[in-house]
Amino acid sequence: PSFAEIIDLLLDVRRRYMHGIQTDYFGDAHCIGWSWSGDENARQGCAVLMSAAGQGIKTMTLKPDTQYVDATGKIPGPIKSDHLGSIQIVCESESMSIWVPV
């Protein structure tokens, strides 16, 4: 995708899903991420993961028992959070994935 398409995607995801409490995941120099919890207006949260080297993998907390898909289309298939909201978010090497609820 072009840079314009990625910017448009980021703007759409920001408007639709980046609501509620933001949690930062900065424990690794090569892989960083953020999650948003959703809010009281029933707007759901999402997760973003970026890797500068190697596949990125982080365990994050999102809405419990919810399926998520990578809005960038780079990672196939849905993934599901457990009953506590724990979910393993992934992205490709030197890439970014944006996980939104199905």
N, C-alpha and C. Protein backbone atom coordinates (compact mmCIF):
# COMPACT_ATOMS: atom_id res chain seq x y z
N PRO A 1 0.82 -1.21 0.00
CA PRO A 1 0.00 0.00 0.00
C PRO A 1 0.86 1.27 0.00
N SER A 2 0.33 2.31 -0.56
CA SER A 2 1.04 3.59 -0.60
C SER A 2 1.01 4.24 0.79
N PHE A 3 1.87 5.24 0.97
CA PHE A 3 1.87 5.98 2.24
C PHE A 3 0.52 6.65 2.47
N ALA A 4 -0.10 7.16 1.41
CA ALA A 4 -1.41 7.80 1.54
C ALA A 4 -2.46 6.81 2.04
N GLU A 5 -2.42 5.58 1.55
CA GLU A 5 -3.37 4.56 1.99
C GLU A 5 -3.15 4.21 3.47
N ILE A 6 -1.90 4.14 3.89
CA ILE A 6 -1.59 3.84 5.29
C ILE A 6 -2.04 4.99 6.19
N ILE A 7 -1.78 6.23 5.77
CA ILE A 7 -2.22 7.39 6.55
C ILE A 7 -3.75 7.40 6.66
N ASP A 8 -4.44 7.13 5.55
CA ASP A 8 -5.91 7.08 5.58
C ASP A 8 -6.40 6.00 6.54
N LEU A 9 -5.75 4.83 6.53
CA LEU A 9 -6.11 3.75 7.44
C LEU A 9 -5.90 4.18 8.89
N LEU A 10 -4.75 4.78 9.18
CA LEU A 10 -4.46 5.23 10.55
C LEU A 10 -5.49 6.26 11.02
N LEU A 11 -5.86 7.18 10.16
CA LEU A 11 -6.85 8.19 10.53
C LEU A 11 -8.22 7.55 10.81
N ASP A 12 -8.60 6.58 9.99
CA ASP A 12 -9.87 5.89 10.19
C ASP A 12 -9.86 5.10 11.49
N VAL A 13 -8.78 4.37 11.75
CA VAL A 13 -8.67 3.60 12.99
C VAL A 13 -8.68 4.53 14.19
N ARG A 14 -7.99 5.65 14.10
CA ARG A 14 -7.96 6.62 15.20
C ARG A 14 -9.37 7.09 15.53
N ARG A 15 -10.13 7.43 14.51
CA ARG A 15 -11.49 7.94 14.70
C ARG A 15 -12.42 6.86 15.28
N ARG A 16 -12.29 5.64 14.80
CA ARG A 16 -13.24 4.59 15.16
C ARG A 16 -12.88 3.78 16.41
N TYR A 17 -11.58 3.58 16.70
CA TYR A 17 -11.20 2.61 17.72
C TYR A 17 -10.29 3.10 18.84
N MET A 18 -9.58 4.18 18.67
CA MET A 18 -8.61 4.60 19.69
C MET A 18 -9.29 5.46 20.76
N HIS A 19 -10.09 4.76 21.60
CA HIS A 19 -10.85 5.41 22.66
C HIS A 19 -10.55 4.73 23.98
N GLY A 20 -10.74 5.45 25.06
CA GLY A 20 -10.52 4.88 26.39
C GLY A 20 -9.09 5.03 26.84
N ILE A 21 -8.72 4.20 27.78
CA ILE A 21 -7.39 4.27 28.40
C ILE A 21 -6.34 3.71 27.44
N GLN A 22 -5.27 4.49 27.25
CA GLN A 22 -4.15 4.05 26.42
C GLN A 22 -3.09 3.41 27.30
N THR A 23 -2.61 2.25 26.88
CA THR A 23 -1.51 1.57 27.58
C THR A 23 -0.34 1.45 26.62
N ASP A 24 0.84 1.83 27.09
CA ASP A 24 2.06 1.78 26.28
C ASP A 24 2.81 0.48 26.57
N TYR A 25 3.39 -0.10 25.53
CA TYR A 25 4.20 -1.32 25.65
C TYR A 25 5.57 -1.02 25.05
N PHE A 26 6.49 -0.57 25.91
CA PHE A 26 7.81 -0.13 25.46
C PHE A 26 8.94 -0.99 26.02
N GLY A 27 8.69 -2.21 26.42
CA GLY A 27 9.69 -3.04 27.09
C GLY A 27 10.82 -3.56 26.22
N ASP A 28 10.76 -3.34 24.91
CA ASP A 28 11.75 -3.87 23.98
C ASP A 28 12.20 -2.74 23.06
N ALA A 29 13.51 -2.62 22.86
CA ALA A 29 14.03 -1.54 22.02
C ALA A 29 13.63 -1.68 20.55
N HIS A 30 13.27 -2.88 20.11
CA HIS A 30 12.95 -3.11 18.70
C HIS A 30 11.46 -3.33 18.43
N CYS A 31 10.65 -3.36 19.48
CA CYS A 31 9.22 -3.64 19.29
C CYS A 31 8.42 -2.83 20.30
N ILE A 32 7.55 -1.94 19.81
CA ILE A 32 6.74 -1.11 20.69
C ILE A 32 5.27 -1.24 20.30
N GLY A 33 4.41 -0.96 21.26
CA GLY A 33 2.99 -1.05 20.96
C GLY A 33 2.15 -0.22 21.90
N TRP A 34 0.88 -0.10 21.53
CA TRP A 34 -0.10 0.63 22.32
C TRP A 34 -1.42 -0.11 22.24
N SER A 35 -2.21 -0.02 23.30
CA SER A 35 -3.58 -0.53 23.23
C SER A 35 -4.50 0.52 23.82
N TRP A 36 -5.76 0.48 23.38
CA TRP A 36 -6.80 1.36 23.89
C TRP A 36 -7.93 0.48 24.38
N SER A 37 -8.47 0.81 25.53
CA SER A 37 -9.43 -0.04 26.21
C SER A 37 -10.86 0.07 25.70
N GLY A 38 -11.17 1.10 24.93
CA GLY A 38 -12.56 1.38 24.60
C GLY A 38 -13.11 2.33 25.66
N ASP A 39 -14.35 2.78 25.49
CA ASP A 39 -14.90 3.73 26.46
C ASP A 39 -16.33 3.42 26.83
N GLU A 40 -16.88 4.27 27.70
CA GLU A 40 -18.23 4.06 28.23
C GLU A 40 -19.32 4.28 27.18
N ASN A 41 -18.98 4.84 26.03
CA ASN A 41 -19.95 5.04 24.95
C ASN A 41 -19.99 3.85 23.99
N ALA A 42 -19.52 2.71 24.44
CA ALA A 42 -19.52 1.46 23.68
C ALA A 42 -18.60 1.50 22.46
N ARG A 43 -17.67 2.44 22.43
CA ARG A 43 -16.68 2.44 21.36
C ARG A 43 -15.56 1.48 21.77
N GLN A 44 -15.24 0.56 20.90
CA GLN A 44 -14.27 -0.47 21.24
C GLN A 44 -12.85 0.02 21.04
N GLY A 45 -11.92 -0.62 21.74
CA GLY A 45 -10.52 -0.28 21.64
C GLY A 45 -9.83 -1.05 20.52
N CYS A 46 -8.50 -0.92 20.49
CA CYS A 46 -7.69 -1.59 19.47
C CYS A 46 -6.26 -1.69 19.98
N ALA A 47 -5.38 -2.26 19.15
CA ALA A 47 -3.97 -2.38 19.50
C ALA A 47 -3.13 -2.11 18.26
N VAL A 48 -1.98 -1.48 18.48
CA VAL A 48 -1.01 -1.20 17.42
C VAL A 48 0.33 -1.76 17.87
N LEU A 49 1.01 -2.47 16.98
CA LEU A 49 2.33 -3.02 17.27
C LEU A 49 3.26 -2.70 16.12
N MET A 50 4.47 -2.23 16.45
CA MET A 50 5.48 -1.89 15.44
C MET A 50 6.78 -2.57 15.79
N SER A 51 7.45 -3.11 14.76
CA SER A 51 8.73 -3.78 14.96
C SER A 51 9.79 -3.17 14.06
N ALA A 52 10.96 -2.89 14.62
CA ALA A 52 12.07 -2.37 13.84
C ALA A 52 13.03 -3.48 13.40
N ALA A 53 12.91 -4.65 14.01
CA ALA A 53 13.80 -5.77 13.68
C ALA A 53 13.16 -7.07 14.16
N GLY A 54 12.97 -8.01 13.29
CA GLY A 54 12.38 -9.30 13.66
C GLY A 54 10.88 -9.18 13.87
N GLN A 55 10.22 -10.32 13.90
CA GLN A 55 8.79 -10.34 14.13
C GLN A 55 8.48 -9.76 15.51
N GLY A 56 7.48 -8.93 15.58
CA GLY A 56 7.07 -8.35 16.85
C GLY A 56 5.98 -9.18 17.50
N ILE A 57 6.12 -9.43 18.80
CA ILE A 57 5.12 -10.16 19.56
C ILE A 57 5.03 -9.52 20.94
N LYS A 58 3.80 -9.14 21.35
CA LYS A 58 3.58 -8.60 22.69
C LYS A 58 2.26 -9.12 23.21
N THR A 59 2.23 -9.44 24.49
CA THR A 59 0.97 -9.77 25.14
C THR A 59 0.38 -8.47 25.67
N MET A 60 -0.85 -8.20 25.25
CA MET A 60 -1.53 -6.97 25.64
C MET A 60 -2.87 -7.32 26.29
N THR A 61 -3.52 -6.32 26.83
CA THR A 61 -4.85 -6.49 27.41
C THR A 61 -5.84 -5.65 26.64
N LEU A 62 -6.87 -6.32 26.12
CA LEU A 62 -7.95 -5.67 25.38
C LEU A 62 -9.28 -6.14 25.96
N LYS A 63 -10.36 -5.94 25.25
CA LYS A 63 -11.68 -6.38 25.69
C LYS A 63 -11.71 -7.91 25.76
N PRO A 64 -12.21 -8.49 26.86
CA PRO A 64 -12.26 -9.94 26.99
C PRO A 64 -13.13 -10.62 25.94
N ASP A 65 -12.74 -11.84 25.59
CA ASP A 65 -13.52 -12.70 24.69
C ASP A 65 -13.94 -12.00 23.40
N THR A 66 -12.99 -11.32 22.77
CA THR A 66 -13.26 -10.57 21.54
C THR A 66 -12.27 -10.97 20.46
N GLN A 67 -12.77 -11.10 19.23
CA GLN A 67 -11.89 -11.40 18.09
C GLN A 67 -11.40 -10.10 17.47
N TYR A 68 -10.14 -10.12 17.03
CA TYR A 68 -9.50 -8.98 16.39
C TYR A 68 -8.87 -9.41 15.07
N VAL A 69 -8.83 -8.50 14.11
CA VAL A 69 -8.16 -8.73 12.84
C VAL A 69 -7.17 -7.60 12.60
N ASP A 70 -6.15 -7.89 11.81
CA ASP A 70 -5.14 -6.90 11.46
C ASP A 70 -5.70 -6.03 10.33
N ALA A 71 -5.98 -4.77 10.63
CA ALA A 71 -6.57 -3.86 9.65
C ALA A 71 -5.63 -3.58 8.48
N THR A 72 -4.32 -3.82 8.65
CA THR A 72 -3.39 -3.62 7.54
C THR A 72 -3.43 -4.79 6.56
N GLY A 73 -4.00 -5.93 6.99
CA GLY A 73 -4.08 -7.11 6.14
C GLY A 73 -2.79 -7.91 6.04
N LYS A 74 -1.78 -7.54 6.80
CA LYS A 74 -0.49 -8.23 6.73
C LYS A 74 -0.50 -9.57 7.47
N ILE A 75 -1.26 -9.66 8.56
CA ILE A 75 -1.34 -10.89 9.34
C ILE A 75 -2.71 -11.51 9.09
N PRO A 76 -2.77 -12.73 8.56
CA PRO A 76 -4.06 -13.33 8.20
C PRO A 76 -4.83 -13.84 9.43
N GLY A 77 -6.13 -13.88 9.26
CA GLY A 77 -7.01 -14.51 10.24
C GLY A 77 -7.23 -13.71 11.50
N PRO A 78 -8.31 -14.01 12.19
CA PRO A 78 -8.57 -13.34 13.47
C PRO A 78 -7.79 -13.99 14.61
N ILE A 79 -7.60 -13.21 15.67
CA ILE A 79 -7.07 -13.72 16.93
C ILE A 79 -8.09 -13.33 18.00
N LYS A 80 -8.09 -14.04 19.12
CA LYS A 80 -9.11 -13.80 20.14
C LYS A 80 -8.48 -13.59 21.51
N SER A 81 -9.00 -12.60 22.22
CA SER A 81 -8.56 -12.38 23.60
C SER A 81 -9.23 -13.41 24.51
N ASP A 82 -8.58 -13.71 25.63
CA ASP A 82 -9.16 -14.68 26.56
C ASP A 82 -10.18 -13.99 27.48
N HIS A 83 -10.67 -14.73 28.46
CA HIS A 83 -11.73 -14.21 29.33
C HIS A 83 -11.28 -13.02 30.20
N LEU A 84 -9.98 -12.80 30.31
CA LEU A 84 -9.44 -11.66 31.05
C LEU A 84 -9.03 -10.52 30.11
N GLY A 85 -9.07 -10.76 28.81
CA GLY A 85 -8.68 -9.75 27.83
C GLY A 85 -7.25 -9.88 27.35
N SER A 86 -6.52 -10.86 27.86
CA SER A 86 -5.13 -11.06 27.44
C SER A 86 -5.11 -11.60 26.00
N ILE A 87 -4.21 -11.02 25.20
CA ILE A 87 -4.11 -11.43 23.80
C ILE A 87 -2.69 -11.22 23.32
N GLN A 88 -2.21 -12.13 22.49
CA GLN A 88 -0.86 -12.01 21.94
C GLN A 88 -0.95 -11.34 20.57
N ILE A 89 -0.44 -10.10 20.50
CA ILE A 89 -0.47 -9.29 19.29
C ILE A 89 0.84 -9.51 18.53
N VAL A 90 0.76 -9.64 17.21
CA VAL A 90 1.95 -9.86 16.40
C VAL A 90 2.00 -8.88 15.22
N CYS A 91 3.21 -8.68 14.72
CA CYS A 91 3.42 -7.94 13.47
C CYS A 91 4.65 -8.50 12.78
N GLU A 92 4.75 -8.26 11.49
CA GLU A 92 5.89 -8.73 10.73
C GLU A 92 7.14 -7.91 11.06
N SER A 93 8.29 -8.42 10.68
CA SER A 93 9.56 -7.71 10.86
C SER A 93 9.54 -6.38 10.12
N GLU A 94 10.05 -5.35 10.78
CA GLU A 94 10.15 -4.01 10.20
C GLU A 94 8.81 -3.55 9.63
N SER A 95 7.77 -3.73 10.43
CA SER A 95 6.41 -3.45 9.97
C SER A 95 5.54 -3.00 11.11
N MET A 96 4.25 -2.81 10.81
CA MET A 96 3.26 -2.40 11.79
C MET A 96 1.97 -3.16 11.52
N SER A 97 1.30 -3.55 12.58
CA SER A 97 -0.04 -4.14 12.47
C SER A 97 -0.97 -3.38 13.40
N ILE A 98 -2.21 -3.24 12.95
CA ILE A 98 -3.24 -2.53 13.71
C ILE A 98 -4.39 -3.50 13.93
N TRP A 99 -4.61 -3.90 15.16
CA TRP A 99 -5.60 -4.92 15.48
C TRP A 99 -6.89 -4.27 15.96
N VAL A 100 -7.98 -4.51 15.21
CA VAL A 100 -9.28 -3.93 15.52
C VAL A 100 -10.29 -5.05 15.75
N PRO A 101 -11.34 -4.78 16.54
CA PRO A 101 -12.34 -5.82 16.79
C PRO A 101 -13.12 -6.16 15.51
N VAL A 102 -13.50 -7.44 15.42
CA VAL A 102 -14.28 -7.91 14.27
C VAL A 102 -15.70 -7.44 14.40
